[in-house]
Amino acid sequence: MKQTKFVHDLKEARLLGILRGCPDASLEAVVEAAKRSGLKFLEVTMNTPGAAGQIARFARLLDGICCIGAGTVLTEAEAAAAVDAGASFLVSPCLSEPVQRFANLHGIPALPGAFTPTEIWNAHVAGAAMVKVFPAKSAGGPAYFKELRGPFKDLPMLACGGVSPANAMEYIRDGADALAFGGSVFTKDRLERGDADAIAADISALMAAAG
């Protein structure tokens, strides 16, 4: 039930933000941007220094506003640390069997990355709540999702890599259930300046484009 609700809510929200390498001093700006834009899903990558602490802060400051997860989760230890910190879902760049087993055991939605049809299917069979097709742009962009929907009609898929306001609706129209964005919005310069206005504006633009 928890996984079903997660998939439903992410499909409704359309967008998942990926935050990597954010300075601790800039967390408040990200919180403000999420509140202003209405962002419902945000992951903090585990290769960010102090990731567990950031997850805990976001989970507290955005409680009831934005669902906080962990990204770039590659080991069971990272999965456990993320969940202990307050992560509600786990995202990986590939199918990590230890991470997926941990997620299945504890009822945590997991979104492993996959590129080929075989990888996508294997991730789904392993128990993925939604498969992160990554890198989506390199795979062929929206047209790739249109092809995938032939054999994988109902398999939940997230497009990650190269998503922008210019192609967001095309991804959704061609079969992506939700879209992930990261460095194009959470730029190093914006994070260092704590520019909540620019971040919120770009998230809002993506939301409008994705419908």
Protein backbone atom coordinates (compact mmCIF):
# COMPACT_ATOMS: atom_id res chain seq x y z
CA MET A 1 0.00 0.00 0.00
CA LYS A 2 2.83 2.41 0.87
CA GLN A 3 4.49 1.78 -2.49
CA THR A 4 1.19 2.13 -4.37
CA LYS A 5 0.50 5.49 -2.71
CA PHE A 6 4.04 6.68 -3.45
CA VAL A 7 3.70 5.88 -7.15
CA HIS A 8 0.26 7.51 -7.31
CA ASP A 9 1.50 10.67 -5.57
CA LEU A 10 4.63 10.97 -7.70
CA LYS A 11 2.60 10.54 -10.88
CA GLU A 12 0.27 13.29 -9.69
CA ALA A 13 3.13 15.61 -8.72
CA ARG A 14 5.05 14.92 -11.97
CA LEU A 15 8.40 16.22 -10.64
CA LEU A 16 11.23 14.90 -8.49
CA GLY A 17 14.07 17.25 -7.60
CA ILE A 18 17.63 15.92 -7.25
CA LEU A 19 19.84 17.92 -4.92
CA ARG A 20 23.56 17.14 -5.07
CA GLY A 21 26.40 18.92 -3.32
CA CYS A 22 24.30 21.60 -1.64
CA PRO A 23 26.19 23.62 1.00
CA ASP A 24 24.56 23.35 4.42
CA ALA A 25 24.25 27.14 4.50
CA SER A 26 21.98 27.00 1.44
CA LEU A 27 19.44 24.48 2.74
CA GLU A 28 17.05 27.21 3.87
CA ALA A 29 16.99 28.63 0.32
CA VAL A 30 16.07 25.20 -1.06
CA VAL A 31 13.34 24.87 1.57
CA GLU A 32 11.97 28.28 0.60
CA ALA A 33 12.08 27.39 -3.12
CA ALA A 34 10.26 24.12 -2.51
CA LYS A 35 7.54 25.88 -0.53
CA ARG A 36 7.06 28.64 -3.11
CA SER A 37 6.99 26.33 -6.12
CA GLY A 38 4.94 23.55 -4.56
CA LEU A 39 7.59 20.87 -5.14
CA LYS A 40 6.36 17.60 -3.62
CA PHE A 41 9.37 15.29 -4.01
CA LEU A 42 13.04 16.02 -3.32
CA GLU A 43 16.03 13.69 -2.98
CA VAL A 44 19.41 14.43 -1.44
CA THR A 45 22.16 12.37 -3.02
CA MET A 46 24.18 10.26 -0.61
CA ASN A 47 27.47 11.42 -2.15
CA THR A 48 26.74 14.90 -0.80
CA PRO A 49 28.90 15.66 2.27
CA GLY A 50 26.68 15.35 5.32
CA ALA A 51 23.81 13.89 3.29
CA ALA A 52 22.13 12.16 6.23
CA GLY A 53 22.08 15.38 8.21
CA GLN A 54 20.61 17.28 5.26
CA ILE A 55 17.91 14.64 4.81
CA ALA A 56 17.00 14.98 8.48
CA ARG A 57 16.79 18.78 8.21
CA PHE A 58 14.67 18.72 5.07
CA ALA A 59 12.38 16.06 6.54
CA ARG A 60 11.80 18.33 9.53
CA LEU A 61 11.51 21.66 7.70
CA LEU A 62 9.35 20.35 4.86
CA ASP A 63 7.23 17.93 6.88
CA GLY A 64 3.81 17.65 5.26
CA ILE A 65 4.96 19.79 2.32
CA CYS A 66 7.57 17.78 0.44
CA CYS A 67 8.45 14.08 0.54
CA ILE A 68 12.19 13.70 1.17
CA GLY A 69 14.23 10.82 -0.17
CA ALA A 70 17.83 9.79 -0.75
CA GLY A 71 19.56 9.55 -4.11
CA THR A 72 22.69 7.81 -5.43
CA VAL A 73 22.07 5.03 -2.92
CA LEU A 74 24.40 2.18 -3.82
CA THR A 75 24.84 0.11 -0.66
CA GLU A 76 22.67 -1.31 2.08
CA ALA A 77 24.57 0.79 4.62
CA GLU A 78 23.70 3.96 2.71
CA ALA A 79 20.08 2.87 2.46
CA ALA A 80 19.88 2.24 6.20
CA ALA A 81 21.56 5.56 7.03
CA ALA A 82 19.20 7.44 4.72
CA VAL A 83 16.06 5.85 6.17
CA ASP A 84 17.31 6.39 9.73
CA ALA A 85 17.73 10.07 8.85
CA GLY A 86 14.15 10.33 7.60
CA ALA A 87 14.27 9.40 3.90
CA SER A 88 10.91 8.14 2.64
CA PHE A 89 12.21 6.69 -0.64
CA LEU A 90 15.49 5.55 -2.19
CA VAL A 91 16.84 6.36 -5.65
CA SER A 92 19.84 4.73 -7.33
CA PRO A 93 21.63 5.18 -10.67
CA CYS A 94 21.38 1.43 -11.27
CA LEU A 95 19.79 -1.68 -9.77
CA SER A 96 21.71 -2.40 -6.58
CA GLU A 97 20.45 -5.73 -5.28
CA PRO A 98 21.38 -5.01 -1.63
CA VAL A 99 19.54 -1.68 -1.76
CA GLN A 100 16.47 -3.22 -3.39
CA ARG A 101 16.41 -6.07 -0.86
CA PHE A 102 16.59 -3.54 1.98
CA ALA A 103 13.78 -1.51 0.41
CA ASN A 104 11.61 -4.58 -0.09
CA LEU A 105 12.22 -5.79 3.47
CA HIS A 106 11.34 -2.45 5.05
CA GLY A 107 8.56 -1.39 2.68
CA ILE A 108 10.48 1.61 1.34
CA PRO A 109 9.76 2.69 -2.26
CA ALA A 110 12.90 2.29 -4.38
CA LEU A 111 13.63 3.81 -7.78
CA PRO A 112 16.63 2.06 -9.34
CA GLY A 113 18.15 3.40 -12.52
CA ALA A 114 18.04 1.45 -15.79
CA PHE A 115 18.87 2.12 -19.42
CA THR A 116 17.98 -0.86 -21.63
CA PRO A 117 14.68 -2.75 -21.82
CA THR A 118 16.32 -5.71 -20.06
CA GLU A 119 17.58 -3.52 -17.23
CA ILE A 120 14.20 -1.82 -16.90
CA TRP A 121 12.40 -5.15 -16.68
CA ASN A 122 14.88 -6.62 -14.20
CA ALA A 123 14.51 -3.59 -11.95
CA HIS A 124 10.73 -3.90 -12.09
CA VAL A 125 10.79 -7.62 -11.29
CA ALA A 126 13.19 -6.97 -8.39
CA GLY A 127 10.53 -4.79 -6.75
CA ALA A 128 11.13 -1.23 -7.95
CA ALA A 129 8.29 1.15 -7.14
CA MET A 130 9.20 3.07 -10.28
CA VAL A 131 12.14 2.59 -12.65
CA LYS A 132 14.36 5.60 -13.24
CA VAL A 133 15.22 5.56 -16.94
CA PHE A 134 18.66 7.15 -16.92
CA PRO A 135 20.14 8.92 -18.74
CA ALA A 136 16.87 9.56 -20.57
CA LYS A 137 18.19 12.07 -23.09
CA SER A 138 21.06 9.81 -24.15
CA ALA A 139 18.66 6.90 -24.48
CA GLY A 140 16.70 8.77 -27.14
CA GLY A 141 14.64 11.30 -25.23
CA PRO A 142 10.83 11.22 -25.25
CA ALA A 143 10.77 8.96 -28.31
CA TYR A 144 12.47 6.23 -26.27
CA PHE A 145 9.58 6.20 -23.80
CA LYS A 146 7.13 5.91 -26.66
CA GLU A 147 8.95 2.78 -27.82
CA LEU A 148 9.13 1.37 -24.28
CA ARG A 149 5.39 1.71 -23.79
CA GLY A 150 4.87 -0.99 -26.41
CA PRO A 151 6.10 -3.87 -24.23
CA PHE A 152 5.91 -2.07 -20.88
CA LYS A 153 2.43 -0.58 -21.01
CA ASP A 154 1.85 -0.15 -17.28
CA LEU A 155 5.36 -0.24 -15.82
CA PRO A 156 5.98 2.98 -13.81
CA MET A 157 8.88 4.95 -15.31
CA LEU A 158 10.68 8.16 -14.34
CA ALA A 159 12.61 10.17 -16.93
CA CYS A 160 15.93 11.43 -15.60
CA GLY A 161 18.59 13.32 -17.54
CA GLY A 162 18.05 16.22 -19.91
CA VAL A 163 14.54 17.14 -18.81
CA SER A 164 13.63 20.79 -19.42
CA PRO A 165 10.53 22.98 -19.83
CA ALA A 166 10.99 22.61 -23.60
CA ASN A 167 10.56 18.82 -23.56
CA ALA A 168 8.73 18.08 -20.30
CA MET A 169 5.28 17.68 -21.82
CA GLU A 170 6.69 15.58 -24.64
CA TYR A 171 8.17 13.15 -22.11
CA ILE A 172 4.83 12.88 -20.32
CA ARG A 173 2.89 12.52 -23.56
CA ASP A 174 5.21 9.79 -24.83
CA GLY A 175 5.03 7.65 -21.70
CA ALA A 176 7.07 8.96 -18.76
CA ASP A 177 5.05 8.89 -15.54
CA ALA A 178 7.19 11.53 -13.84
CA LEU A 179 10.27 13.66 -14.48
CA ALA A 180 13.45 14.21 -12.50
CA PHE A 181 15.57 17.36 -12.61
CA GLY A 182 18.76 18.36 -10.87
CA GLY A 183 21.77 20.42 -11.82
CA SER A 184 19.95 22.47 -14.44
CA VAL A 185 17.84 24.01 -11.66
CA PHE A 186 19.96 23.49 -8.56
CA THR A 187 23.03 25.04 -10.17
CA LYS A 188 26.24 25.42 -8.18
CA ASP A 189 26.05 29.19 -8.48
CA ARG A 190 22.45 29.38 -7.28
CA LEU A 191 23.13 27.09 -4.34
CA GLU A 192 26.20 29.07 -3.31
CA ARG A 193 24.20 32.33 -3.48
CA GLY A 194 21.13 30.82 -1.83
CA ASP A 195 19.04 32.05 -4.74
CA ALA A 196 15.59 30.75 -3.79
CA ASP A 197 13.90 33.02 -6.33
CA ALA A 198 15.65 31.56 -9.38
CA ILE A 199 15.29 27.98 -8.15
CA ALA A 200 11.58 28.41 -7.42
CA ALA A 201 10.98 30.07 -10.78
CA ASP A 202 12.59 27.20 -12.71
CA ILE A 203 10.72 24.55 -10.74
CA SER A 204 7.46 26.38 -11.39
CA ALA A 205 8.30 26.55 -15.11
CA LEU A 206 8.92 22.80 -15.20
CA MET A 207 5.64 22.16 -13.38
CA ALA A 208 3.72 24.29 -15.84
CA ALA A 209 5.37 22.57 -18.78
CA ALA A 210 4.72 19.08 -17.42
CA GLY A 211 1.04 19.81 -16.94
